[in-house]
Every structure is written in C-alpha cells, then in structure tokens.
Amino acid sequence: MAESMKGLHRTCRCAEVTREMTGQTVTLMGWVQKARNKGGIVFVDLRDRSGIMQLIFEDGSVSSEDFAKAGKLRSEFVIAVTGIVEKRGGAVNANLATGEIELRVQSLRVLSEADVIPFPIEENSKTRDEVRLKYRYLDLRRPDLQKKLMLRSRVATLTRQFFAEEGFLEIETPMLGKSTPEGARDYLVPSRVHPGCFYGLPQSPQLFKQLLMCSGFDRYIQLARCFRDEDLRADRQPEFTQIDMELSFVDVDDVIDVNERFLKYLFKNVLDVDVQLPIQRITWQEAMDRFGSDKPDMRFGMELHDVSDIVRSSSFAVFANALAAGGSVRGINAKGQGSMPRKKIDKLVEFAKGYGAKGLAYIAIAEDGSRKSSFAKFMTEEELDALVSAMEGEPGDLLLFAADRQKLVYDVLGALRLELAKEMDLLDKNEFRFVWVTEFPLLEWSDEENRFTAMHHPFTMPMEEDLALIDSDPGKVRAKAYDIVLNGNEIGGGSVRIHQDDIQEKMFEVLGFTPESAHEQFGFLLDAFRYGVPPHAGLAYGLDRLVMLMAGADTIRDVIAFPKVKDASCLMTDSPSVVDTKQLAELHLAVKEETT
C-alpha cells in the first residue's frame, strides 16, 4: 500500500551523492531498478534521472517493518529512503558515477507500487518500437532516452541565452492563423463561431516574423511549434520545433555571421566540440556538381565527376542518348571496391533504380590493373583509358556511372554516394562537418502544376545581378537563400526577404499569382509593406533534427518526448480518434463515409 511522503524532503538526486559525502545522512527518492534479497541483507539499485545509487538494507540498520518491506520491493516501485552514505563494502562499480559508495538505509517508505512492466527499463532496449511507443511513459524512464531529452533541454536553454545576449527578443506568434496553399499541406482547425471557416496551424511563423520586422523589433527569436501534414521519415514529424529568427537591416553575411557564432557556442558548451570558423561555403550549383545533393555530407570524398565530354563520341547508346537529350554522364569512384562481387554491384544497380535510374554502368579495376566493365565492348581501349583517367581510377577502384537527365543523375549518384559510404563505414557520428550552401535557384519548374514554383517561398529575394533574367530566363535566377548543412542533413535554412514592391510584384507574376489572388492570400503582409518595411532576412533551424545529430541518435523520435509514428498517429494516446457527433455539429462539420 502506498505511503505518504509527509515530513520527508529529498536532499539530492541519486548520482549527486559523492564520495566526499561519506558519513552524511541523505534522503533519496526514485524508482527501483532492481532488488536482490540475500536473506539477512537486501541490495536495491535506486534510479532517478541523474543515475543509480546502490542501497543496502540490513536487519538491525532498519526497523523490522522496513526490512520486511525492502524484501518485497520489485522493479519500478517508487520509494523514499533515508540513510548514511558509506564506502562500498563489496566491489567498486566503475560503470557508475556512484560506484564507490552506497547508502546504508535507516528508513524506507514505499510511495507507489508497480505492476509487472511490459519490457525492461534498460539502455539500448531491444523491445519493438511499437511496444515502446505504446508505453512511452515507461520508455522515457530509460537512461539513454533521458540523457537525449536532457541534452535537448540544454540546447534550448543555451539557444535562448545566446540570442538574448545578441539583442534578440523572444516573441510568440499565433498558432491559429490563415491557411496558405504554398508549401506542404496545412493542418486545419475548424472555427465554431465562423461556420465553414478554418484556421491553419503554422508550417512556420514566416509571415508573422516578417510583420515583426515591419513593427520595428529589429531582432526576433522564437522556439516555435510548427505543423506539416506530410509523409513522415526518420527525421520528420507532423509537429516539430524550429529555432526561428528574423533580423532587420542585414544581408546574407550578417545572418551567417551570427549563426556561425551560435553554432560554435552551442557545440562547445554542449559537446565540447570546437567548430572552426568561418564555416565553408559552397554554392548550390557546386554542391550539386560535386556531391549530387544540396545537403552534401562533407565527412568523406567520393565526389561526382562529369565525364560527358569524355564519352560524347562513344558508341554506347546509353551515354549517347542521354547526351543527345540534353542530359549528362557522371560517375563516382568507390576507392578500394574494385573487387566487389557482381551480386553486390547488382544490388547497387537496383538501389539506383529506386531513385529513377534505368541502370548503372560500371568499370571494376582489379589490383593488377585489369578491368571488367558493363560497356567495354562499346568503347575502344583508348576511350576507356581516358574515362578511367578522368575518374582518377586506380587499381582496386570501382567506377560507377549514371546517364540521364541532369536532375536524375544528381539524385541517383548523390544517393549512391551515401549508400556506399555506409557500406564502406566512412560515416563517423562523432565527426561534425558543417557547410553553408548558398545561391539556390529562386524558382523550380513544376510539371504537375505546369508553372514555376518558389524553391523556398514567394518572399525570397533574388540575387541582384540576376534580376534582369526574371522575365527572359526565370529558371536561371539565383536566390539570396542559404542552408546550413551538418553531416548531410539540412539543419537550418533561410533567405534575405524581398522588401521592394516592384520585385515582389514581379515575383508573384512569375509564380502565376494575379494581383487579386496575391492580395487574397498575403494581403495583410503586403498592406504592412506599404507603411515602411526595413530590409530583413532570417533563418530557422529544425531543433529536433539538430539535437538528433548532436545526440548521435538515428531518429528524431529519440529526442522528442511523445512522438508520432509513420502514419502520424500516437500509439500511446490512440490519436487521432473519432469525436462525438455533438462536437462535429457545433463545428458545422459532418463526416462523409468513404465510398469504394
């Protein structure tokens, strides 16, 4: 039966007890990790968020009543104990911060009993994800998960401290706003008092933070909750947190400068990692040409080689057809993989097909310099020699080629580069390689909508030197946009915003907005711009993704207290769920049965 803690006060957490406190009386509270009854003596490992302390109950040290209670303790009972700190009588446990000491208990209270738990509370649990997420409150007792969430809390605290010292003001923006069709799908909230009308939950605070610049606040910061109704991946959730900022009277270099100093401050204080400044910058085009990705992993080489000119006169139809259609032929050199078995090469071909490739061409160079190739019969020895030379091929290397439309070649080889790096064990989680990717295309063509769409959003400023191209060749216009990438993950992105009326009107025109439709969606922002708007720019980090990388976790679920699963449901609360018809009626809604 549960007892009261009346009159008791916890003096410290378990792992806060030190060897220097030997002889002192302390009161600890927590969960029983395990109990071992040896007859005349009971050992208990007491756990709280700080760590574990070994308790020793000995007949004579505690009352006979408390000793009897100690003999019945089981895993996850919540207890309070008072006792004297002693040096361990048995072997020292070097794996514990408290491994040299133990607590000789003088009194015990059982604050709460526990049923048999569905899985053990232990680090690196092998329990299925579905079970752990159903009992997330138990899963969160695991020390490894608690450490990750404590790291997240530390990151949030330091973020606020840094930006406060830099003159940023923390201002909250609304959760209930206007739905905007640009970007991902909105989560919609029906209005009870405005029948047939809906709020949109924010995908980001973008428009509001620009309005704050119009309001003269100069530097804004917010740890903002955001919502996107899109398919989930390992690093994506339907609701997430951004470190969101906006600055007035700045250009690209100003935003990059303050954020480089932030990252250096954060990584030093949290992980004791020294981020070298300035962080490397490459343009979007360079990133695509070298790595096949606008979020390149810089921890290893294996860069793309454009061999289009080398193979232009070859009779290999795959290469010739791709080049005739305006595409390219590019390859990567997997150093030391020339002896890869044909079965593994075939698996790489299938992997590439998953990204849209029709196949992969290859040249495997043996250690003795002899070559096996999937297309050797279509090329002369001189052409093959030139191709191997262009790829910097050496004995023992495996050269892999993709030939198709430019974007598809980038996608295939960019993904293949990462897949090979995993297989070759080139990715070190303890290495942190940052890179800024700049000068993104302002626009991208959508075959689905048959028009240009904004690669970021409609308020992104074009590069001034490209403004002349916006009518004649809009696809070549570069944006004053920038992403910060860490180990192949985009952890943040932003841009300089348009603050001139004529450029904003031209941007809407290129995107296919009529003046009326632009005003219907963004009228409140455009109206604000009529009353004096400063040049401004911003950036937002994905806090969950950043913490995931800092914690060395494989998924952002490990750094979010109560995450959703792949279909955006919560296994613990069983949401989303059906609601009462009375609630629907109040909201002027009806659920339509799905017809087959």
Foldseek 3Di string as FASTA:
>chain_A
DADDCPPDDFPDEALVDAPVQAFPKGKYKAWWQAWDCPDQKIWTWGDDLVGTAIEIEGVVLEDPVQSVVSVPAGGGFIKMFIFGKHFDPDDFDPVGSNRGIHGYTHGMGGRGHDDDDPARQEPPDPDDPLVCLQVLVSPCSRNLLSVLQVLLVVLVVLLVVLVVVVLADEDDDDQFADADPPDAHFDWDFDLVDFPDTTTGAQDCVLVQLVVLLVPSFKYWYFDWHAGPDFDDQADFRIFTKGWMKGFPDALVVQLVSVQVSVQSSCCVRPVDGDDPPAAEDAQVVCCQFQLDSQHQPLDHQTKFFCLVLCCPWQPCLSVVLVVVVATKIKTKPAQCLPPDPVVQVVLQVVLVVLPAPGKWKWRAAQVRDIDTPCPVRDDPVSVVVVCVSNVHDHRMMMIMTGHHHNSRSRSRNVSVVVSCVVVVSDDLVDKHKYKYFFAQQWDADPVVRAIAGPVHLFFAWDPVCPVCCVPPSRPITTQKMFMHISSRGFKIKHWTDLDPVVSVSSCVRRPHDPVRCCVNSVVSVVSSVPDGGGMMIMMGRSLSVSCSVSVHSGSVSNDSNGADRNNARSNVRPPDDDDVVVCVSSVHDDDDDDD
